[in-house]
Protein backbone atom coordinates (compact mmCIF):
# COMPACT_ATOMS: atom_id res chain seq x y z
CA MET A 1 105.63 123.71 111.04
CA ALA A 2 104.76 120.23 110.02
CA ARG A 3 108.34 119.55 109.76
CA PHE A 4 109.23 121.21 113.18
CA ALA A 5 106.57 119.26 114.62
CA PHE A 6 108.00 115.88 113.36
CA ILE A 7 111.40 116.77 114.89
CA VAL A 8 109.65 117.67 118.06
CA ALA A 9 107.89 114.25 118.11
CA ALA A 10 111.04 112.43 117.22
CA PHE A 11 113.11 114.10 119.84
CA ALA A 12 110.20 113.07 122.46
CA LEU A 13 110.48 109.58 121.22
CA THR A 14 114.37 109.33 122.08
CA THR A 15 114.05 110.76 125.51
CA ALA A 16 110.59 109.72 126.92
CA CYS A 17 110.98 107.01 129.65
CA ASP A 18 110.01 103.60 128.76
CA THR A 19 108.75 104.77 125.45
CA TRP A 20 109.28 103.62 122.05
CA LEU A 21 112.92 104.81 121.05
CA GLY A 22 113.86 104.68 124.38
CA GLU A 23 117.47 103.99 123.85
CA SER A 24 119.52 106.00 121.04
CA GLU A 25 121.41 103.78 118.71
CA ALA A 26 125.02 103.12 119.32
CA PRO A 27 127.26 104.64 116.65
CA PRO A 28 128.51 101.89 113.99
CA LEU A 29 131.95 100.39 114.35
CA PRO A 30 134.60 102.33 112.79
CA GLY A 31 136.27 101.21 109.72
CA GLU A 32 135.11 99.78 106.49
CA ARG A 33 132.27 97.24 106.25
CA ILE A 34 133.81 94.02 104.41
CA SER A 35 131.21 91.01 103.73
CA VAL A 36 132.17 87.90 105.80
CA LEU A 37 131.04 85.38 103.09
CA ALA A 38 132.54 84.67 99.88
CA HIS A 39 130.91 86.17 96.70
CA GLU A 40 128.36 88.16 99.00
CA ARG A 41 127.62 91.72 97.68
CA GLU A 42 127.01 94.76 99.80
CA LEU A 43 124.01 97.00 98.20
CA THR A 44 124.85 100.67 97.48
CA PRO A 45 122.42 103.52 97.18
CA GLU A 46 121.60 104.12 93.40
CA ILE A 47 119.99 107.41 93.59
CA ASP A 48 121.09 110.99 94.54
CA PRO A 49 118.89 111.95 97.79
CA ALA A 50 119.30 115.55 96.91
CA SER A 51 117.76 115.32 93.45
CA ASP A 52 115.08 112.46 93.99
CA ARG A 53 113.70 112.58 97.46
CA ILE A 54 111.56 110.03 99.18
CA LEU A 55 107.94 111.39 99.68
CA LEU A 56 105.56 109.40 101.47
CA PRO A 57 101.71 109.79 101.62
CA ALA A 58 100.22 110.70 105.22
CA PRO A 59 99.86 107.88 107.76
CA LEU A 60 96.37 106.85 108.00
CA ALA A 61 94.82 105.37 111.11
CA ASN A 62 93.83 101.27 110.56
CA PRO A 63 91.22 99.97 113.05
CA ASP A 64 92.47 96.41 112.27
CA TRP A 65 94.86 94.05 111.16
CA PRO A 66 92.91 90.78 110.34
CA GLN A 67 95.06 88.80 108.44
CA PRO A 68 99.09 88.32 107.68
CA GLY A 69 100.20 91.39 106.03
CA GLY A 70 97.27 93.24 107.35
CA TYR A 71 94.77 92.90 104.56
CA ALA A 72 94.45 90.04 101.78
CA ASN A 73 96.62 92.05 99.23
CA HIS A 74 99.48 92.66 101.98
CA ALA A 75 99.41 96.45 101.07
CA MET A 76 99.04 98.38 104.05
CA HIS A 77 100.97 101.49 103.13
CA HIS A 78 101.74 104.15 105.71
CA ILE A 79 99.97 103.40 109.12
CA ALA A 80 99.17 105.91 111.70
CA VAL A 81 100.18 105.22 115.31
CA GLY A 82 100.86 107.48 118.49
CA ASP A 83 103.94 110.09 118.09
CA VAL A 84 105.23 108.65 121.59
CA LEU A 85 104.13 104.96 122.19
CA ARG A 86 104.48 103.97 125.57
CA LYS A 87 104.26 100.10 126.99
CA ALA A 88 100.30 99.70 127.61
CA TRP A 89 100.20 96.15 128.71
CA VAL A 90 102.00 92.63 128.66
CA ALA A 91 99.88 89.47 128.32
CA ASP A 92 100.80 85.66 128.58
CA ALA A 93 99.83 84.23 125.12
CA GLY A 94 101.07 80.49 126.06
CA ASP A 95 103.97 78.77 125.43
CA GLY A 96 107.02 79.94 124.00
CA ALA A 97 109.85 78.72 121.80
CA ASP A 98 112.18 75.82 122.50
CA ASP A 99 114.19 73.23 120.97
CA ASP A 100 111.18 71.39 119.63
CA ASN A 101 108.68 74.38 118.94
CA ARG A 102 108.78 77.89 117.49
CA VAL A 103 106.56 81.05 117.38
CA ILE A 104 106.18 81.41 113.53
CA SER A 105 102.96 83.51 113.46
CA SER A 106 102.32 87.19 113.95
CA PRO A 107 98.94 88.22 115.98
CA VAL A 108 95.74 89.34 113.99
CA ILE A 109 93.37 92.20 114.96
CA ALA A 110 89.80 92.69 114.50
CA ALA A 111 86.84 94.28 116.08
CA GLY A 112 88.97 95.09 119.39
CA ARG A 113 90.31 91.73 119.64
CA ILE A 114 93.78 90.52 119.06
CA VAL A 115 94.39 86.76 118.57
CA ALA A 116 97.75 84.77 118.77
CA MET A 117 98.98 81.52 118.39
CA ASP A 118 101.83 80.00 120.59
CA ALA A 119 104.56 77.55 119.81
CA GLU A 120 102.30 74.58 120.54
CA SER A 121 99.35 75.90 118.49
CA ALA A 122 97.06 77.20 121.42
CA ILE A 123 95.18 80.10 120.28
CA SER A 124 94.32 82.96 122.60
CA ALA A 125 92.27 86.04 122.38
CA PHE A 126 92.95 89.30 124.14
CA ASP A 127 91.16 92.63 124.57
CA ALA A 128 93.51 94.88 122.37
CA LYS A 129 92.80 97.79 124.79
CA SER A 130 93.34 96.21 128.05
CA GLY A 131 95.21 93.02 127.18
CA GLN A 132 92.62 90.76 129.34
CA ARG A 133 92.29 87.39 128.11
CA LEU A 134 89.23 86.76 126.63
CA TRP A 135 89.69 82.91 125.88
CA GLN A 136 92.26 80.07 125.06
CA THR A 137 91.58 77.08 123.00
CA GLU A 138 93.94 73.98 122.56
CA LEU A 139 93.99 72.87 119.16
CA THR A 140 96.58 70.00 119.18
CA PRO A 141 94.56 66.52 118.90
CA GLU A 142 94.67 63.96 121.67
CA ASP A 143 96.44 61.67 119.44
CA GLU A 144 99.21 64.10 118.59
CA GLU A 145 102.18 65.07 120.67
CA ASP A 146 102.84 68.63 121.49
CA GLU A 147 106.32 69.04 119.97
CA GLY A 148 107.53 69.73 116.25
CA HIS A 149 103.94 70.91 114.63
CA PHE A 150 105.18 74.43 114.03
CA GLY A 151 101.79 75.85 113.22
CA GLY A 152 100.63 77.94 110.25
CA GLY A 153 98.87 81.02 111.65
CA ILE A 154 95.54 82.81 111.95
CA THR A 155 93.27 84.84 109.59
CA LEU A 156 90.30 86.76 110.86
CA ALA A 157 86.98 87.33 108.71
CA GLY A 158 83.31 87.27 109.24
CA GLY A 159 83.47 86.40 113.41
CA LEU A 160 85.67 83.54 112.74
CA ALA A 161 89.36 82.64 113.26
CA TYR A 162 90.81 80.52 110.71
CA VAL A 163 93.58 78.58 111.89
CA THR A 164 96.07 76.43 109.80
CA THR A 165 98.06 73.69 111.83
CA GLY A 166 101.12 71.77 111.56
CA PHE A 167 99.18 68.40 112.42
CA ALA A 168 97.46 68.91 108.85
CA GLN A 169 94.13 70.50 110.11
CA VAL A 170 92.19 73.87 109.09
CA ILE A 171 89.86 74.94 112.06
CA ALA A 172 87.45 77.76 112.21
CA LEU A 173 87.04 79.30 115.47
CA ASP A 174 84.41 81.42 116.92
CA VAL A 175 86.00 84.70 117.68
CA SER A 176 83.72 85.66 120.46
CA ASN A 177 84.31 82.46 122.68
CA GLY A 178 87.00 80.29 120.90
CA ALA A 179 84.45 77.21 120.04
CA VAL A 180 85.27 75.27 117.13
CA VAL A 181 82.88 75.87 114.26
CA TRP A 182 84.52 73.39 111.93
CA ARG A 183 87.53 71.36 111.22
CA ARG A 184 89.00 70.16 108.05
CA SER A 185 91.76 67.50 107.85
CA MET A 186 94.25 68.32 104.90
CA GLU A 187 96.93 65.74 103.43
CA SER A 188 99.68 67.75 104.63
CA PRO A 189 100.88 70.24 107.33
CA MET A 190 100.60 73.84 106.92
CA ARG A 191 103.54 76.32 107.86
CA ALA A 192 101.80 79.67 106.45
CA ALA A 193 98.62 81.28 107.87
CA PRO A 194 95.55 81.28 105.30
CA THR A 195 94.29 84.29 103.44
CA GLU A 196 90.47 85.21 103.15
CA ARG A 197 88.88 86.99 100.55
CA GLY A 198 85.12 87.02 99.71
CA GLY A 199 84.09 83.97 101.49
CA ARG A 200 87.19 81.90 99.98
CA LEU A 201 90.09 80.78 102.13
CA PHE A 202 93.20 80.13 100.65
CA VAL A 203 95.56 77.51 102.28
CA VAL A 204 99.05 76.44 101.34
CA THR A 205 100.61 73.03 102.58
CA VAL A 206 104.22 72.08 102.67
CA ASP A 207 104.08 69.99 99.81
CA ASN A 208 103.13 73.03 97.79
CA VAL A 209 99.58 72.33 97.10
CA ILE A 210 97.15 75.61 97.29
CA HIS A 211 93.59 74.74 98.57
CA ALA A 212 90.48 77.08 97.97
CA LEU A 213 88.05 76.51 100.80
CA ASP A 214 84.67 77.45 101.26
CA ALA A 215 85.15 79.69 104.38
CA SER A 216 81.77 78.85 105.59
CA GLU A 217 82.04 75.10 106.02
CA GLY A 218 85.89 74.22 104.64
CA GLY A 219 84.61 72.34 101.49
CA THR A 220 87.17 72.40 98.68
CA LEU A 221 86.34 74.60 95.75
CA TRP A 222 89.41 73.89 93.82
CA THR A 223 93.25 72.87 94.08
CA HIS A 224 96.50 73.53 92.41
CA THR A 225 99.85 71.82 92.78
CA GLY A 226 103.13 73.40 92.32
CA ILE A 227 106.35 71.72 92.23
CA GLU A 228 107.27 70.02 95.12
CA GLU A 229 110.50 70.91 97.02
CA THR A 230 112.08 68.57 99.82
CA ALA A 231 114.38 71.44 101.47
CA SER A 232 112.88 74.54 102.61
CA LEU A 233 113.11 77.12 105.59
CA LEU A 234 110.76 77.10 108.63
CA GLY A 235 107.57 79.39 108.04
CA GLY A 236 106.03 80.44 104.70
CA GLY A 237 104.40 83.17 102.77
CA SER A 238 100.55 83.44 102.79
CA PRO A 239 98.90 83.99 99.44
CA ALA A 240 97.99 87.64 98.09
CA VAL A 241 94.61 88.10 96.89
CA ASP A 242 93.11 91.12 94.99
CA ASP A 243 91.23 91.92 91.90
CA GLY A 244 90.08 88.26 91.29
CA VAL A 245 93.71 87.10 91.47
CA VAL A 246 95.15 85.07 94.03
CA VAL A 247 99.26 84.90 94.04
CA VAL A 248 100.76 82.29 95.40
CA PRO A 249 104.50 81.84 96.76
CA PHE A 250 105.85 78.27 97.14
CA THR A 251 108.86 76.93 98.68
CA SER A 252 110.10 75.53 95.34
CA GLY A 253 110.68 79.40 94.45
CA GLU A 254 107.65 79.26 92.20
CA LEU A 255 105.25 82.13 92.17
CA VAL A 256 101.92 81.55 90.57
CA ALA A 257 98.90 83.58 89.86
CA LEU A 258 95.65 81.77 89.70
CA ARG A 259 92.03 83.07 89.14
CA VAL A 260 90.18 83.08 92.57
CA ALA A 261 87.07 81.84 90.85
CA ASN A 262 88.26 78.42 89.34
CA GLY A 263 91.88 78.19 90.26
CA ARG A 264 92.89 78.65 86.18
CA VAL A 265 96.59 79.50 85.89
CA LEU A 266 97.22 83.02 84.57
CA TRP A 267 100.95 83.12 84.84
CA THR A 268 103.91 81.52 86.73
CA ASP A 269 107.38 82.88 87.74
CA THR A 270 110.46 81.39 89.61
CA LEU A 271 112.40 83.70 91.67
CA THR A 272 116.00 82.04 91.59
CA SER A 273 119.34 84.16 91.31
CA ARG A 274 121.61 83.19 88.33
CA ARG A 275 124.28 83.50 91.26
CA GLN A 276 124.04 81.22 94.02
CA ALA A 277 127.36 81.47 95.97
CA ARG A 278 125.78 81.36 99.42
CA LEU A 279 124.26 78.12 100.98
CA VAL A 280 121.06 79.63 101.82
CA THR A 281 120.54 81.19 98.21
CA ALA A 282 120.54 77.51 97.09
CA LEU A 283 116.97 77.29 98.80
CA ALA A 284 114.57 78.83 96.34
CA HIS A 285 111.90 79.20 99.15
CA ILE A 286 109.70 82.32 98.70
CA ARG A 287 108.97 82.79 102.54
CA GLY A 288 107.83 86.24 102.69
CA ARG A 289 104.22 87.17 101.46
CA PRO A 290 104.01 88.65 98.05
CA ILE A 291 102.00 92.17 97.54
CA ILE A 292 99.29 93.07 95.23
CA ASP A 293 99.38 96.73 94.81
CA ARG A 294 97.60 98.74 91.93
CA GLY A 295 97.97 96.19 89.03
CA ARG A 296 101.50 95.03 90.22
CA VAL A 297 102.77 91.96 92.28
CA PHE A 298 105.94 92.51 94.43
CA ALA A 299 107.81 89.56 95.54
CA MET A 300 111.24 88.72 97.10
CA GLY A 301 112.71 85.02 97.60
CA VAL A 302 115.27 83.46 99.51
CA GLY A 303 117.44 82.54 96.60
CA ASP A 304 118.43 86.41 95.89
CA MET A 305 115.79 87.52 93.56
CA MET A 306 113.25 90.26 94.00
CA VAL A 307 110.75 91.29 91.24
CA SER A 308 108.09 93.53 90.26
CA ILE A 309 105.23 91.64 88.07
CA ASP A 310 102.50 92.77 85.89
CA LEU A 311 99.57 91.20 87.70
CA ARG A 312 97.39 90.37 84.75
CA SER A 313 100.26 89.59 82.10
CA GLY A 314 103.05 87.95 84.37
CA ARG A 315 105.54 90.11 82.70
CA ARG A 316 108.37 91.44 84.78
CA ILE A 317 108.71 94.83 85.01
CA TRP A 318 112.03 94.72 86.98
CA GLU A 319 114.10 92.37 88.77
CA ARG A 320 116.91 92.81 91.21
CA GLU A 321 119.24 90.32 92.76
CA ILE A 322 118.39 90.98 96.34
CA GLY A 323 116.96 88.25 98.70
CA GLY A 324 115.18 87.97 101.99
CA LEU A 325 113.34 85.75 104.45
CA GLU A 326 110.70 88.54 105.33
CA SER A 327 108.05 90.10 103.35
CA PRO A 328 108.44 93.61 101.75
CA TRP A 329 106.55 96.64 102.57
CA ILE A 330 104.99 99.10 100.01
CA VAL A 331 104.18 102.60 100.49
CA GLY A 332 103.22 105.13 97.96
CA ASN A 333 106.06 104.83 95.25
CA PHE A 334 108.62 102.93 97.36
CA LEU A 335 109.36 99.53 98.82
CA TYR A 336 111.19 98.59 102.02
CA ALA A 337 112.86 95.48 102.71
CA ILE A 338 115.06 93.41 105.20
CA THR A 339 117.77 91.45 102.90
CA SER A 340 119.44 88.30 103.73
CA ASN A 341 122.32 90.24 104.54
CA ALA A 342 120.69 92.10 107.28
CA GLU A 343 120.19 95.32 105.72
CA VAL A 344 117.28 97.51 105.83
CA ILE A 345 116.91 99.18 102.22
CA ALA A 346 114.40 101.26 100.32
CA LEU A 347 113.73 100.88 96.63
CA SER A 348 111.88 102.83 93.81
CA ARG A 349 108.57 101.09 93.24
CA ASP A 350 108.92 102.00 89.55
CA ASP A 351 112.21 100.49 88.85
CA GLY A 352 113.60 98.95 91.88
CA ARG A 353 116.52 101.28 92.09
CA ILE A 354 117.87 101.56 95.77
CA HIS A 355 117.64 104.75 97.79
CA TRP A 356 119.41 104.01 100.84
CA VAL A 357 120.91 100.95 102.58
CA THR A 358 121.22 100.68 106.38
CA PRO A 359 123.31 97.71 107.91
CA LEU A 360 121.73 96.01 110.90
CA ARG A 361 123.64 94.16 113.50
CA ARG A 362 124.33 90.71 112.43
CA PHE A 363 125.67 88.64 115.20
CA GLU A 364 125.35 89.04 119.05
CA ASP A 365 128.85 88.41 119.49
CA GLU A 366 130.40 90.56 116.43
CA GLU A 367 133.81 90.00 117.27
CA ASP A 368 133.59 86.18 117.18
CA LYS A 369 130.77 85.98 114.52
CA GLN A 370 128.83 84.00 116.80
CA ASP A 371 125.12 83.89 117.58
CA PRO A 372 123.59 85.24 114.39
CA ILE A 373 120.68 87.72 114.75
CA THR A 374 117.64 87.46 112.50
CA TRP A 375 115.36 90.36 111.80
CA SER A 376 111.55 90.52 111.16
CA GLY A 377 109.62 93.20 109.78
CA PRO A 378 109.40 95.77 108.19
CA ILE A 379 106.21 97.75 109.19
CA LEU A 380 105.86 101.46 108.43
CA ALA A 381 104.14 103.51 110.87
CA SER A 382 104.21 107.25 111.54
CA ASP A 383 107.42 107.82 109.69
CA ARG A 384 109.19 104.88 111.30
CA VAL A 385 110.46 101.51 109.51
CA ILE A 386 110.06 99.07 112.49
CA VAL A 387 112.21 96.06 112.64
CA ALA A 388 112.69 93.65 115.32
CA GLY A 389 115.56 91.18 116.44
CA SER A 390 116.02 87.68 117.62
CA HIS A 391 118.23 89.14 120.32
CA GLY A 392 115.34 91.31 121.68
CA MET A 393 116.14 94.61 120.09
CA ALA A 394 113.36 96.64 118.17
CA LEU A 395 114.93 99.59 115.90
CA ALA A 396 113.05 102.61 114.33
CA VAL A 397 114.73 103.73 111.26
CA SER A 398 113.81 106.82 109.18
CA PRO A 399 111.97 105.94 105.71
CA TYR A 400 113.56 108.98 104.10
CA THR A 401 117.13 108.59 104.86
CA GLY A 402 117.82 105.05 106.65
CA ARG A 403 119.16 106.73 109.72
CA ILE A 404 118.43 104.66 112.93
CA LEU A 405 116.28 106.84 114.84
CA GLY A 406 116.23 104.88 118.12
CA ARG A 407 115.85 101.27 119.73
CA MET A 408 113.89 99.56 122.49
CA ARG A 409 114.78 96.72 124.44
CA LEU A 410 111.98 93.88 124.38
CA PRO A 411 111.76 91.24 127.00
CA THR A 412 113.08 88.59 124.65
CA GLY A 413 113.68 87.86 121.21
CA VAL A 414 111.27 88.45 118.39
CA SER A 415 111.16 86.23 115.36
CA VAL A 416 107.63 87.42 113.72
CA PRO A 417 106.93 90.91 112.48
CA PRO A 418 105.28 93.24 114.68
CA VAL A 419 101.56 94.38 113.89
CA ALA A 420 99.71 97.58 114.07
CA ALA A 421 96.10 98.24 114.63
CA ASP A 422 94.07 101.36 116.33
CA ARG A 423 97.18 103.56 116.65
CA SER A 424 98.99 100.68 118.68
CA VAL A 425 101.97 98.47 117.69
CA PHE A 426 102.07 94.93 118.89
CA PHE A 427 105.01 92.71 119.57
CA LEU A 428 104.62 88.78 120.02
CA THR A 429 107.92 87.24 121.38
CA ASP A 430 109.55 83.82 121.21
CA ASP A 431 108.63 83.43 124.85
CA ALA A 432 104.84 84.03 123.61
CA GLU A 433 104.45 87.20 125.49
CA LEU A 434 102.14 89.74 123.57
CA ILE A 435 103.17 93.17 124.17
CA SER A 436 101.39 96.36 123.38
CA TYR A 437 102.74 99.86 122.78
CA ARG A 438 100.16 102.72 122.40
């Protein structure tokens, strides 16, 4: 009966008007898929699905998504949303992306409020049920220009919205009205959202320094300096915190585990591949957020390296030459990720073996290989792996087989991952439109 109900729900998703999966996915182009870049490898499944099926825990409803990646450890597992998601509301979250500015931070949700940052570092709060704007706060200092700041992001905790900015300030706002509670100037800008845990705020600057701040007033508790990197990609991964350890991703490819209490180093690792045939893999940047889950750390860098590491000892449990710009997603005994080659993959948590690989569209003009598409995500919500593209299309993929279940046209492109809370899914588009599906 459960399987029958799931099939019925999936059918409803593909046929309902103005609903999630409103369009069926076009069949792939005929012929063999061949890499267009020299030395680029195609991933292939390594596990027989007939003998080792993917089984996932049941989805659970989460009322909030207060930090990038959901919670401080970035392990959200299987989120429950509606079987059929319809567009509930659309709200204007401010200024969209242009030649000088980008939207690089996903929204966050707590206590029925969703808070988003636009392309010029203005913060807006909305009622998560109705989409009504509650307040908006402009954060750019008067002596700063609006262009080229590329703000970091937002974390919600204890009734405050903690914001990292591209003009080298960390700001705490009152979530009820947007008023500034405290403002702290840093030595360098930030491109990643902060992480909060236990009254400590963990902030990473572009020169690869992590600052542990007192969340109540912004004072410094300790700092740790990583290897500085001159070349990196836009955006960054927020630190993961759990079990008294903070795991920090740096643009140099360093992955560092520190004690939350005092910043003492537990271990370090470097996510760089032995083969660097492509230009992008020459960058070691860990742009996606690491995950801490049941005593293990999972991380993926741009430089074609994905690892599973023991949280306490720093010992690598497995490694794969798989790279990507986005954060992996963990659920039960499985990992999902978007690779640098525009593939959605499912891997075993235990040994990193690949269960399935689903190629995504790589260019808006496939014939001439022009206008490359960037994909964000994934998140897993009610038996759907959801990804969104810069060309304005969101896809739902089966977490069990990799089959594309359907797609949905968004008003404009999306460059940040969707988020899910209170049985709803939210997208923040490049035009700073905040869209709720419930």
